[in-house]
Amino acid sequence: MLPHKITKPRKVLLTKMENPAEHKTRNDSKAMKIMERMGFAHGEGLGKNKQGITAPIVPRSRIGRRGLGIETEQQQKEFESILNSELESKPVQETPEWLECSESQRNSIIEHQ
């Protein structure tokens, strides 16, 4: 009889917030304590002269395993427009220009081949 495989319930690593902008930063986090020691105060911007943004960066949810910031519809349209422009037939007119040479030069070139 084969032993039964024991499976642990999987933990959900990412939680979905209704509105990430309303998510308040925890004051008891290690990162907040370090930032406060470096002079950060709530409502002030980051930077030497407090000129940075005051609101936290809003995370965007991702669908699937695609990279951050992917914009599929817009990128697909741009790709198709580039592809279509490359497939267009573009007439090219070439006119060869030959160097002038004397009959003796031409004969010497032919003899050396």
PDB file of N, CA and C in Angstrom:
ATOM      1  N   MET A   1       0.834  -1.170   0.000  1.00  0.00           N
ATOM      2  CA  MET A   1       0.000   0.000   0.000  1.00  0.00           C
ATOM      3  C   MET A   1       0.884   1.240   0.000  1.00  0.00           C
ATOM      4  N   LEU A   2       0.581   2.158  -0.887  1.00  0.00           N
ATOM      5  CA  LEU A   2       1.375   3.374  -1.013  1.00  0.00           C
ATOM      6  C   LEU A   2       1.019   4.365   0.089  1.00  0.00           C
ATOM      7  N   PRO A   3       2.023   5.067   0.611  1.00  0.00           N
ATOM      8  CA  PRO A   3       1.707   6.080   1.628  1.00  0.00           C
ATOM      9  C   PRO A   3       0.982   7.254   0.975  1.00  0.00           C
ATOM     10  N   HIS A   4       0.064   7.812   1.713  1.00  0.00           N
ATOM     11  CA  HIS A   4      -0.685   8.959   1.209  1.00  0.00           C
ATOM     12  C   HIS A   4       0.187  10.196   1.265  1.00  0.00           C
ATOM     13  N   LYS A   5       0.108  10.964   0.225  1.00  0.00           N
ATOM     14  CA  LYS A   5       0.881  12.193   0.172  1.00  0.00           C
ATOM     15  C   LYS A   5       0.150  13.260   0.987  1.00  0.00           C
ATOM     16  N   ILE A   6       0.876  13.827   1.931  1.00  0.00           N
ATOM     17  CA  ILE A   6       0.280  14.858   2.774  1.00  0.00           C
ATOM     18  C   ILE A   6       0.513  16.201   2.104  1.00  0.00           C
ATOM     19  N   THR A   7      -0.566  16.890   1.853  1.00  0.00           N
ATOM     20  CA  THR A   7      -0.444  18.204   1.228  1.00  0.00           C
ATOM     21  C   THR A   7      -0.853  19.270   2.225  1.00  0.00           C
ATOM     22  N   LYS A   8      -0.050  20.295   2.284  1.00  0.00           N
ATOM     23  CA  LYS A   8      -0.365  21.423   3.155  1.00  0.00           C
ATOM     24  C   LYS A   8      -1.228  22.406   2.377  1.00  0.00           C
ATOM     25  N   PRO A   9      -2.116  23.084   3.057  1.00  0.00           N
ATOM     26  CA  PRO A   9      -2.898  24.100   2.340  1.00  0.00           C
ATOM     27  C   PRO A   9      -1.977  25.232   1.896  1.00  0.00           C
ATOM     28  N   ARG A  10      -2.180  25.690   0.684  1.00  0.00           N
ATOM     29  CA  ARG A  10      -1.344  26.760   0.155  1.00  0.00           C
ATOM     30  C   ARG A  10      -1.748  28.093   0.763  1.00  0.00           C
ATOM     31  N   LYS A  11      -0.745  28.878   1.057  1.00  0.00           N
ATOM     32  CA  LYS A  11      -1.005  30.197   1.617  1.00  0.00           C
ATOM     33  C   LYS A  11      -1.195  31.189   0.478  1.00  0.00           C
ATOM     34  N   VAL A  12      -2.104  32.089   0.664  1.00  0.00           N
ATOM     35  CA  VAL A  12      -2.301  33.146  -0.316  1.00  0.00           C
ATOM     36  C   VAL A  12      -1.292  34.237   0.008  1.00  0.00           C
ATOM     37  N   LEU A  13      -0.376  34.473  -0.913  1.00  0.00           N
ATOM     38  CA  LEU A  13       0.683  35.433  -0.661  1.00  0.00           C
ATOM     39  C   LEU A  13       0.250  36.871  -0.929  1.00  0.00           C
ATOM     40  N   LEU A  14      -0.567  37.051  -1.928  1.00  0.00           N
ATOM     41  CA  LEU A  14      -0.994  38.399  -2.272  1.00  0.00           C
ATOM     42  C   LEU A  14      -2.445  38.592  -1.861  1.00  0.00           C
ATOM     43  N   THR A  15      -2.715  39.687  -1.222  1.00  0.00           N
ATOM     44  CA  THR A  15      -4.092  40.012  -0.878  1.00  0.00           C
ATOM     45  C   THR A  15      -4.539  41.146  -1.765  1.00  0.00           C
ATOM     46  N   LYS A  16      -5.790  41.124  -2.117  1.00  0.00           N
ATOM     47  CA  LYS A  16      -6.322  42.151  -2.993  1.00  0.00           C
ATOM     48  C   LYS A  16      -6.988  43.221  -2.135  1.00  0.00           C
ATOM     49  N   MET A  17      -6.485  44.438  -2.249  1.00  0.00           N
ATOM     50  CA  MET A  17      -7.078  45.549  -1.520  1.00  0.00           C
ATOM     51  C   MET A  17      -8.117  46.210  -2.416  1.00  0.00           C
ATOM     52  N   GLU A  18      -9.188  46.676  -1.817  1.00  0.00           N
ATOM     53  CA  GLU A  18     -10.219  47.345  -2.599  1.00  0.00           C
ATOM     54  C   GLU A  18      -9.678  48.626  -3.224  1.00  0.00           C
ATOM     55  N   ASN A  19      -9.010  49.449  -2.426  1.00  0.00           N
ATOM     56  CA  ASN A  19      -8.421  50.682  -2.925  1.00  0.00           C
ATOM     57  C   ASN A  19      -7.041  50.822  -2.300  1.00  0.00           C
ATOM     58  N   PRO A  20      -5.976  50.514  -3.031  1.00  0.00           N
ATOM     59  CA  PRO A  20      -4.640  50.543  -2.443  1.00  0.00           C
ATOM     60  C   PRO A  20      -4.225  51.926  -1.963  1.00  0.00           C
ATOM     61  N   ALA A  21      -4.786  52.996  -2.524  1.00  0.00           N
ATOM     62  CA  ALA A  21      -4.411  54.348  -2.109  1.00  0.00           C
ATOM     63  C   ALA A  21      -4.886  54.640  -0.690  1.00  0.00           C
ATOM     64  N   GLU A  22      -5.956  53.974  -0.262  1.00  0.00           N
ATOM     65  CA  GLU A  22      -6.476  54.195   1.085  1.00  0.00           C
ATOM     66  C   GLU A  22      -5.762  53.349   2.128  1.00  0.00           C
ATOM     67  N   HIS A  23      -4.906  52.460   1.684  1.00  0.00           N
ATOM     68  CA  HIS A  23      -4.167  51.601   2.602  1.00  0.00           C
ATOM     69  C   HIS A  23      -3.199  52.452   3.407  1.00  0.00           C
ATOM     70  N   LYS A  24      -3.334  52.442   4.716  1.00  0.00           N
ATOM     71  CA  LYS A  24      -2.480  53.257   5.569  1.00  0.00           C
ATOM     72  C   LYS A  24      -1.225  52.483   5.930  1.00  0.00           C
ATOM     73  N   THR A  25      -0.120  53.194   5.971  1.00  0.00           N
ATOM     74  CA  THR A  25       1.148  52.578   6.324  1.00  0.00           C
ATOM     75  C   THR A  25       1.156  52.272   7.806  1.00  0.00           C
ATOM     76  N   ARG A  26       1.635  51.090   8.142  1.00  0.00           N
ATOM     77  CA  ARG A  26       1.704  50.709   9.550  1.00  0.00           C
ATOM     78  C   ARG A  26       2.874  51.421  10.202  1.00  0.00           C
ATOM     79  N   ASN A  27       2.634  52.020  11.363  1.00  0.00           N
ATOM     80  CA  ASN A  27       3.690  52.743  12.061  1.00  0.00           C
ATOM     81  C   ASN A  27       4.639  51.801  12.780  1.00  0.00           C
ATOM     82  N   ASP A  28       4.210  50.574  13.013  1.00  0.00           N
ATOM     83  CA  ASP A  28       5.050  49.655  13.766  1.00  0.00           C
ATOM     84  C   ASP A  28       5.969  48.826  12.864  1.00  0.00           C
ATOM     85  N   SER A  29       5.960  49.104  11.557  1.00  0.00           N
ATOM     86  CA  SER A  29       6.813  48.317  10.669  1.00  0.00           C
ATOM     87  C   SER A  29       8.268  48.743  10.813  1.00  0.00           C
ATOM     88  N   LYS A  30       9.130  47.833  10.522  1.00  0.00           N
ATOM     89  CA  LYS A  30      10.568  48.089  10.633  1.00  0.00           C
ATOM     90  C   LYS A  30      10.996  49.200   9.671  1.00  0.00           C
ATOM     91  N   ALA A  31      10.432  49.193   8.475  1.00  0.00           N
ATOM     92  CA  ALA A  31      10.785  50.212   7.483  1.00  0.00           C
ATOM     93  C   ALA A  31      10.397  51.609   7.958  1.00  0.00           C
ATOM     94  N   MET A  32       9.200  51.737   8.568  1.00  0.00           N
ATOM     95  CA  MET A  32       8.770  53.053   9.061  1.00  0.00           C
ATOM     96  C   MET A  32       9.676  53.533  10.180  1.00  0.00           C
ATOM     97  N   LYS A  33      10.102  52.641  11.045  1.00  0.00           N
ATOM     98  CA  LYS A  33      10.990  53.036  12.141  1.00  0.00           C
ATOM     99  C   LYS A  33      12.326  53.539  11.599  1.00  0.00           C
ATOM    100  N   ILE A  34      12.853  52.862  10.591  1.00  0.00           N
ATOM    101  CA  ILE A  34      14.117  53.296   9.991  1.00  0.00           C
ATOM    102  C   ILE A  34      13.945  54.659   9.329  1.00  0.00           C
ATOM    103  N   MET A  35      12.840  54.835   8.610  1.00  0.00           N
ATOM    104  CA  MET A  35      12.606  56.115   7.938  1.00  0.00           C
ATOM    105  C   MET A  35      12.436  57.247   8.938  1.00  0.00           C
ATOM    106  N   GLU A  36      11.758  56.996  10.057  1.00  0.00           N
ATOM    107  CA  GLU A  36      11.587  58.033  11.074  1.00  0.00           C
ATOM    108  C   GLU A  36      12.919  58.405  11.711  1.00  0.00           C
ATOM    109  N   ARG A  37      13.809  57.427  11.891  1.00  0.00           N
ATOM    110  CA  ARG A  37      15.141  57.740  12.419  1.00  0.00           C
ATOM    111  C   ARG A  37      15.932  58.608  11.449  1.00  0.00           C
ATOM    112  N   MET A  38      15.623  58.497  10.153  1.00  0.00           N
ATOM    113  CA  MET A  38      16.324  59.283   9.143  1.00  0.00           C
ATOM    114  C   MET A  38      15.669  60.642   8.920  1.00  0.00           C
ATOM    115  N   GLY A  39      14.620  60.970   9.692  1.00  0.00           N
ATOM    116  CA  GLY A  39      14.012  62.294   9.610  1.00  0.00           C
ATOM    117  C   GLY A  39      12.689  62.365   8.886  1.00  0.00           C
ATOM    118  N   PHE A  40      12.109  61.239   8.540  1.00  0.00           N
ATOM    119  CA  PHE A  40      10.830  61.254   7.837  1.00  0.00           C
ATOM    120  C   PHE A  40       9.698  61.554   8.807  1.00  0.00           C
ATOM    121  N   ALA A  41       8.758  62.386   8.380  1.00  0.00           N
ATOM    122  CA  ALA A  41       7.543  62.660   9.149  1.00  0.00           C
ATOM    123  C   ALA A  41       6.355  62.512   8.202  1.00  0.00           C
ATOM    124  N   HIS A  42       5.228  62.038   8.735  1.00  0.00           N
ATOM    125  CA  HIS A  42       4.036  61.841   7.909  1.00  0.00           C
ATOM    126  C   HIS A  42       3.579  63.171   7.329  1.00  0.00           C
ATOM    127  N   GLY A  43       3.224  63.155   6.042  1.00  0.00           N
ATOM    128  CA  GLY A  43       2.736  64.356   5.379  1.00  0.00           C
ATOM    129  C   GLY A  43       3.832  65.160   4.702  1.00  0.00           C
ATOM    130  N   GLU A  44       5.088  64.838   4.942  1.00  0.00           N
ATOM    131  CA  GLU A  44       6.192  65.543   4.295  1.00  0.00           C
ATOM    132  C   GLU A  44       6.720  64.692   3.152  1.00  0.00           C
ATOM    133  N   GLY A  45       7.323  65.351   2.189  1.00  0.00           N
ATOM    134  CA  GLY A  45       7.892  64.637   1.059  1.00  0.00           C
ATOM    135  C   GLY A  45       9.255  64.064   1.390  1.00  0.00           C
ATOM    136  N   LEU A  46       9.672  63.103   0.598  1.00  0.00           N
ATOM    137  CA  LEU A  46      10.999  62.526   0.760  1.00  0.00           C
ATOM    138  C   LEU A  46      12.004  63.385   0.005  1.00  0.00           C
ATOM    139  N   GLY A  47      13.228  63.368   0.440  1.00  0.00           N
ATOM    140  CA  GLY A  47      14.274  64.119  -0.240  1.00  0.00           C
ATOM    141  C   GLY A  47      14.946  65.096   0.702  1.00  0.00           C
ATOM    142  N   LYS A  48      16.040  65.692   0.248  1.00  0.00           N
ATOM    143  CA  LYS A  48      16.832  66.587   1.080  1.00  0.00           C
ATOM    144  C   LYS A  48      16.019  67.796   1.529  1.00  0.00           C
ATOM    145  N   ASN A  49      15.255  68.369   0.606  1.00  0.00           N
ATOM    146  CA  ASN A  49      14.465  69.566   0.914  1.00  0.00           C
ATOM    147  C   ASN A  49      12.980  69.254   1.066  1.00  0.00           C
ATOM    148  N   LYS A  50      12.632  68.014   1.338  1.00  0.00           N
ATOM    149  CA  LYS A  50      11.237  67.558   1.495  1.00  0.00           C
ATOM    150  C   LYS A  50      10.402  67.856   0.250  1.00  0.00           C
ATOM    151  N   GLN A  51      11.034  67.789  -0.923  1.00  0.00           N
ATOM    152  CA  GLN A  51      10.375  68.154  -2.171  1.00  0.00           C
ATOM    153  C   GLN A  51       9.686  66.978  -2.857  1.00  0.00           C
ATOM    154  N   GLY A  52       9.852  65.767  -2.372  1.00  0.00           N
ATOM    155  CA  GLY A  52       9.313  64.577  -3.038  1.00  0.00           C
ATOM    156  C   GLY A  52       7.819  64.416  -2.848  1.00  0.00           C
ATOM    157  N   ILE A  53       7.312  63.321  -3.377  1.00  0.00           N
ATOM    158  CA  ILE A  53       5.877  63.051  -3.284  1.00  0.00           C
ATOM    159  C   ILE A  53       5.506  62.720  -1.841  1.00  0.00           C
ATOM    160  N   THR A  54       4.274  63.063  -1.467  1.00  0.00           N
ATOM    161  CA  THR A  54       3.816  62.788  -0.104  1.00  0.00           C
ATOM    162  C   THR A  54       2.919  61.563  -0.050  1.00  0.00           C
ATOM    163  N   ALA A  55       2.239  61.262  -1.152  1.00  0.00           N
ATOM    164  CA  ALA A  55       1.335  60.108  -1.186  1.00  0.00           C
ATOM    165  C   ALA A  55       2.132  58.850  -1.507  1.00  0.00           C
ATOM    166  N   PRO A  56       1.732  57.712  -0.958  1.00  0.00           N
ATOM    167  CA  PRO A  56       2.436  56.469  -1.290  1.00  0.00           C
ATOM    168  C   PRO A  56       2.193  56.073  -2.743  1.00  0.00           C
ATOM    169  N   ILE A  57       3.116  55.343  -3.300  1.00  0.00           N
ATOM    170  CA  ILE A  57       2.974  54.869  -4.673  1.00  0.00           C
ATOM    171  C   ILE A  57       1.888  53.804  -4.699  1.00  0.00           C
ATOM    172  N   VAL A  58       0.953  53.964  -5.618  1.00  0.00           N
ATOM    173  CA  VAL A  58      -0.189  53.059  -5.694  1.00  0.00           C
ATOM    174  C   VAL A  58       0.204  51.824  -6.501  1.00  0.00           C
ATOM    175  N   PRO A  59       0.094  50.628  -5.907  1.00  0.00           N
ATOM    176  CA  PRO A  59       0.419  49.415  -6.669  1.00  0.00           C
ATOM    177  C   PRO A  59      -0.693  49.080  -7.645  1.00  0.00           C
ATOM    178  N   ARG A  60      -0.307  48.543  -8.794  1.00  0.00           N
ATOM    179  CA  ARG A  60      -1.293  48.094  -9.768  1.00  0.00           C
ATOM    180  C   ARG A  60      -1.300  46.575  -9.770  1.00  0.00           C
ATOM    181  N   SER A  61      -2.472  46.013  -9.890  1.00  0.00           N
ATOM    182  CA  SER A  61      -2.556  44.555  -9.901  1.00  0.00           C
ATOM    183  C   SER A  61      -2.116  44.030 -11.260  1.00  0.00           C
ATOM    184  N   ARG A  62      -1.520  42.850 -11.261  1.00  0.00           N
ATOM    185  CA  ARG A  62      -1.054  42.215 -12.484  1.00  0.00           C
ATOM    186  C   ARG A  62      -1.931  41.018 -12.775  1.00  0.00           C
ATOM    187  N   ILE A  63      -2.096  40.763 -14.040  1.00  0.00           N
ATOM    188  CA  ILE A  63      -2.846  39.586 -14.452  1.00  0.00           C
ATOM    189  C   ILE A  63      -1.845  38.613 -15.058  1.00  0.00           C
ATOM    190  N   GLY A  64      -1.802  37.427 -14.539  1.00  0.00           N
ATOM    191  CA  GLY A  64      -0.894  36.424 -15.080  1.00  0.00           C
ATOM    192  C   GLY A  64       0.534  36.650 -14.627  1.00  0.00           C
ATOM    193  N   ARG A  65       1.460  36.181 -15.422  1.00  0.00           N
ATOM    194  CA  ARG A  65       2.873  36.254 -15.060  1.00  0.00           C
ATOM    195  C   ARG A  65       3.620  37.218 -15.963  1.00  0.00           C
ATOM    196  N   ARG A  66       2.958  38.246 -16.398  1.00  0.00           N
ATOM    197  CA  ARG A  66       3.588  39.215 -17.282  1.00  0.00           C
ATOM    198  C   ARG A  66       4.367  40.228 -16.463  1.00  0.00           C
ATOM    199  N   GLY A  67       5.205  40.972 -17.131  1.00  0.00           N
ATOM    200  CA  GLY A  67       6.056  41.946 -16.464  1.00  0.00           C
ATOM    201  C   GLY A  67       5.285  43.129 -15.917  1.00  0.00           C
ATOM    202  N   LEU A  68       5.932  43.876 -15.059  1.00  0.00           N
ATOM    203  CA  LEU A  68       5.308  45.054 -14.481  1.00  0.00           C
ATOM    204  C   LEU A  68       5.115  46.118 -15.547  1.00  0.00           C
ATOM    205  N   GLY A  69       3.991  46.798 -15.504  1.00  0.00           N
ATOM    206  CA  GLY A  69       3.739  47.905 -16.406  1.00  0.00           C
ATOM    207  C   GLY A  69       3.406  47.520 -17.829  1.00  0.00           C
ATOM    208  N   ILE A  70       3.057  46.283 -18.074  1.00  0.00           N
ATOM    209  CA  ILE A  70       2.771  45.856 -19.441  1.00  0.00           C
ATOM    210  C   ILE A  70       1.440  46.443 -19.887  1.00  0.00           C
ATOM    211  N   GLU A  71       1.416  46.959 -21.088  1.00  0.00           N
ATOM    212  CA  GLU A  71       0.196  47.506 -21.670  1.00  0.00           C
ATOM    213  C   GLU A  71      -0.008  46.788 -22.999  1.00  0.00           C
ATOM    214  N   THR A  72      -0.703  45.690 -22.960  1.00  0.00           N
ATOM    215  CA  THR A  72      -0.754  44.785 -24.106  1.00  0.00           C
ATOM    216  C   THR A  72      -1.467  45.377 -25.315  1.00  0.00           C
ATOM    217  N   GLU A  73      -2.607  46.012 -25.148  1.00  0.00           N
ATOM    218  CA  GLU A  73      -3.362  46.499 -26.297  1.00  0.00           C
ATOM    219  C   GLU A  73      -2.591  47.576 -27.047  1.00  0.00           C
ATOM    220  N   GLN A  74      -2.037  48.522 -26.317  1.00  0.00           N
ATOM    221  CA  GLN A  74      -1.305  49.606 -26.957  1.00  0.00           C
ATOM    222  C   GLN A  74      -0.040  49.081 -27.632  1.00  0.00           C
ATOM    223  N   GLN A  75       0.682  48.214 -26.971  1.00  0.00           N
ATOM    224  CA  GLN A  75       1.898  47.665 -27.560  1.00  0.00           C
ATOM    225  C   GLN A  75       1.586  46.822 -28.789  1.00  0.00           C
ATOM    226  N   GLN A  76       0.484  46.091 -28.755  1.00  0.00           N
ATOM    227  CA  GLN A  76       0.098  45.271 -29.904  1.00  0.00           C
ATOM    228  C   GLN A  76      -0.230  46.157 -31.100  1.00  0.00           C
ATOM    229  N   LYS A  77      -0.940  47.265 -30.871  1.00  0.00           N
ATOM    230  CA  LYS A  77      -1.274  48.178 -31.965  1.00  0.00           C
ATOM    231  C   LYS A  77      -0.016  48.799 -32.559  1.00  0.00           C
ATOM    232  N   GLU A  78       0.920  49.214 -31.702  1.00  0.00           N
ATOM    233  CA  GLU A  78       2.170  49.791 -32.193  1.00  0.00           C
ATOM    234  C   GLU A  78       2.956  48.764 -33.001  1.00  0.00           C
ATOM    235  N   PHE A  79       3.016  47.527 -32.503  1.00  0.00           N
ATOM    236  CA  PHE A  79       3.734  46.470 -33.208  1.00  0.00           C
ATOM    237  C   PHE A  79       3.111  46.205 -34.570  1.00  0.00           C
ATOM    238  N   GLU A  80       1.781  46.140 -34.629  1.00  0.00           N
ATOM    239  CA  GLU A  80       1.105  45.876 -35.896  1.00  0.00           C
ATOM    240  C   GLU A  80       1.310  47.015 -36.881  1.00  0.00           C
ATOM    241  N   SER A  81       1.313  48.261 -36.399  1.00  0.00           N
ATOM    242  CA  SER A  81       1.531  49.384 -37.309  1.00  0.00           C
ATOM    243  C   SER A  81       2.946  49.355 -37.878  1.00  0.00           C
ATOM    244  N   ILE A  82       3.928  48.999 -37.053  1.00  0.00           N
ATOM    245  CA  ILE A  82       5.308  48.890 -37.540  1.00  0.00           C
ATOM    246  C   ILE A  82       5.424  47.744 -38.535  1.00  0.00           C
ATOM    247  N   LEU A  83       4.805  46.610 -38.212  1.00  0.00           N
ATOM    248  CA  LEU A  83       4.857  45.451 -39.095  1.00  0.00           C
ATOM    249  C   LEU A  83       4.197  45.758 -40.432  1.00  0.00           C
ATOM    250  N   ASN A  84       3.033  46.402 -40.409  1.00  0.00           N
ATOM    251  CA  ASN A  84       2.338  46.729 -41.648  1.00  0.00           C
ATOM    252  C   ASN A  84       3.129  47.725 -42.486  1.00  0.00           C
ATOM    253  N   SER A  85       3.792  48.674 -41.844  1.00  0.00           N
ATOM    254  CA  SER A  85       4.579  49.641 -42.610  1.00  0.00           C
ATOM    255  C   SER A  85       5.793  48.968 -43.249  1.00  0.00           C
ATOM    256  N   GLU A  86       6.328  47.930 -42.611  1.00  0.00           N
ATOM    257  CA  GLU A  86       7.463  47.206 -43.183  1.00  0.00           C
ATOM    258  C   GLU A  86       7.038  46.323 -44.354  1.00  0.00           C
ATOM    259  N   LEU A  87       5.789  45.849 -44.351  1.00  0.00           N
ATOM    260  CA  LEU A  87       5.321  44.967 -45.415  1.00  0.00           C
ATOM    261  C   LEU A  87       4.919  45.721 -46.680  1.00  0.00           C
ATOM    262  N   GLU A  88       4.758  47.031 -46.591  1.00  0.00           N
ATOM    263  CA  GLU A  88       4.375  47.809 -47.761  1.00  0.00           C
ATOM    264  C   GLU A  88       5.477  47.721 -48.811  1.00  0.00           C
ATOM    265  N   SER A  89       5.051  47.687 -50.079  1.00  0.00           N
ATOM    266  CA  SER A  89       6.064  47.662 -51.142  1.00  0.00           C
ATOM    267  C   SER A  89       6.549  49.088 -51.368  1.00  0.00           C
ATOM    268  N   LYS A  90       7.827  49.246 -51.291  1.00  0.00           N
ATOM    269  CA  LYS A  90       8.431  50.562 -51.468  1.00  0.00           C
ATOM    270  C   LYS A  90       9.311  50.507 -52.711  1.00  0.00           C
ATOM    271  N   PRO A  91       8.892  51.180 -53.779  1.00  0.00           N
ATOM    272  CA  PRO A  91       9.688  51.128 -55.005  1.00  0.00           C
ATOM    273  C   PRO A  91      11.010  51.881 -54.826  1.00  0.00           C
ATOM    274  N   VAL A  92      12.065  51.233 -55.248  1.00  0.00           N
ATOM    275  CA  VAL A  92      13.389  51.833 -55.162  1.00  0.00           C
ATOM    276  C   VAL A  92      13.969  51.881 -56.564  1.00  0.00           C
ATOM    277  N   GLN A  93      14.389  53.050 -56.972  1.00  0.00           N
ATOM    278  CA  GLN A  93      15.006  53.190 -58.284  1.00  0.00           C
ATOM    279  C   GLN A  93      16.501  53.383 -58.087  1.00  0.00           C
ATOM    280  N   GLU A  94      17.237  52.491 -58.682  1.00  0.00           N
ATOM    281  CA  GLU A  94      18.685  52.580 -58.588  1.00  0.00           C
ATOM    282  C   GLU A  94      19.257  52.815 -59.974  1.00  0.00           C
ATOM    283  N   THR A  95      20.168  53.731 -60.040  1.00  0.00           N
ATOM    284  CA  THR A  95      20.868  53.973 -61.296  1.00  0.00           C
ATOM    285  C   THR A  95      22.348  53.740 -61.042  1.00  0.00           C
ATOM    286  N   PRO A  96      22.906  52.695 -61.618  1.00  0.00           N
ATOM    287  CA  PRO A  96      24.328  52.418 -61.379  1.00  0.00           C
ATOM    288  C   PRO A  96      25.205  53.466 -62.059  1.00  0.00           C
ATOM    289  N   GLU A  97      26.228  53.856 -61.369  1.00  0.00           N
ATOM    290  CA  GLU A  97      27.197  54.794 -61.919  1.00  0.00           C
ATOM    291  C   GLU A  97      28.522  54.059 -62.054  1.00  0.00           C
ATOM    292  N   TRP A  98      29.028  54.038 -63.261  1.00  0.00           N
ATOM    293  CA  TRP A  98      30.269  53.328 -63.542  1.00  0.00           C
ATOM    294  C   TRP A  98      31.412  54.321 -63.601  1.00  0.00           C
ATOM    295  N   LEU A  99      32.539  53.877 -63.124  1.00  0.00           N
ATOM    296  CA  LEU A  99      33.720  54.718 -63.179  1.00  0.00           C
ATOM    297  C   LEU A  99      34.268  54.741 -64.604  1.00  0.00           C
ATOM    298  N   GLU A 100      34.777  55.869 -64.966  1.00  0.00           N
ATOM    299  CA  GLU A 100      35.386  56.012 -66.287  1.00  0.00           C
ATOM    300  C   GLU A 100      36.762  55.348 -66.274  1.00  0.00           C
ATOM    301  N   CYS A 101      37.074  54.616 -67.315  1.00  0.00           N
ATOM    302  CA  CYS A 101      38.410  54.047 -67.448  1.00  0.00           C
ATOM    303  C   CYS A 101      38.757  53.932 -68.940  1.00  0.00           C
ATOM    304  N   SER A 102      40.005  53.956 -69.186  1.00  0.00           N
ATOM    305  CA  SER A 102      40.459  53.877 -70.581  1.00  0.00           C
ATOM    306  C   SER A 102      40.465  52.418 -71.034  1.00  0.00           C
ATOM    307  N   GLU A 103      40.642  52.242 -72.324  1.00  0.00           N
ATOM    308  CA  GLU A 103      40.664  50.896 -72.901  1.00  0.00           C
ATOM    309  C   GLU A 103      41.861  50.101 -72.393  1.00  0.00           C
ATOM    310  N   SER A 104      42.991  50.746 -72.184  1.00  0.00           N
ATOM    311  CA  SER A 104      44.186  50.056 -71.698  1.00  0.00           C
ATOM    312  C   SER A 104      43.999  49.601 -70.240  1.00  0.00           C
ATOM    313  N   GLN A 105      43.333  50.429 -69.436  1.00  0.00           N
ATOM    314  CA  GLN A 105      43.063  50.038 -68.041  1.00  0.00           C
ATOM    315  C   GLN A 105      42.115  48.838 -68.001  1.00  0.00           C
ATOM    316  N   ARG A 106      41.120  48.860 -68.851  1.00  0.00           N
ATOM    317  CA  ARG A 106      40.151  47.767 -68.901  1.00  0.00           C
ATOM    318  C   ARG A 106      40.842  46.467 -69.315  1.00  0.00           C
ATOM    319  N   ASN A 107      41.711  46.536 -70.291  1.00  0.00           N
ATOM    320  CA  ASN A 107      42.432  45.345 -70.762  1.00  0.00           C
ATOM    321  C   ASN A 107      43.361  44.800 -69.682  1.00  0.00           C
ATOM    322  N   SER A 108      44.029  45.678 -68.942  1.00  0.00           N
ATOM    323  CA  SER A 108      44.932  45.205 -67.888  1.00  0.00           C
ATOM    324  C   SER A 108      44.153  44.536 -66.750  1.00  0.00           C
ATOM    325  N   ILE A 109      42.966  45.033 -66.466  1.00  0.00           N
ATOM    326  CA  ILE A 109      42.128  44.422 -65.419  1.00  0.00           C
ATOM    327  C   ILE A 109      41.668  43.036 -65.862  1.00  0.00           C
ATOM    328  N   ILE A 110      41.268  42.917 -67.100  1.00  0.00           N
ATOM    329  CA  ILE A 110      40.780  41.642 -67.621  1.00  0.00           C
ATOM    330  C   ILE A 110      41.909  40.615 -67.666  1.00  0.00           C
ATOM    331  N   GLU A 111      43.120  41.050 -68.019  1.00  0.00           N
ATOM    332  CA  GLU A 111      44.247  40.131 -68.106  1.00  0.00           C
ATOM    333  C   GLU A 111      44.640  39.581 -66.738  1.00  0.00           C
ATOM    334  N   HIS A 112      44.486  40.364 -65.676  1.00  0.00           N
ATOM    335  CA  HIS A 112      44.894  39.930 -64.330  1.00  0.00           C
ATOM    336  C   HIS A 112      43.889  38.981 -63.679  1.00  0.00           C
ATOM    337  N   GLN A 113      42.738  38.829 -64.257  1.00  0.00           N
ATOM    338  CA  GLN A 113      41.740  37.944 -63.653  1.00  0.00           C
ATOM    339  C   GLN A 113      42.036  36.559 -63.971  1.00  0.00           C
TER     340      GLN A 113
END
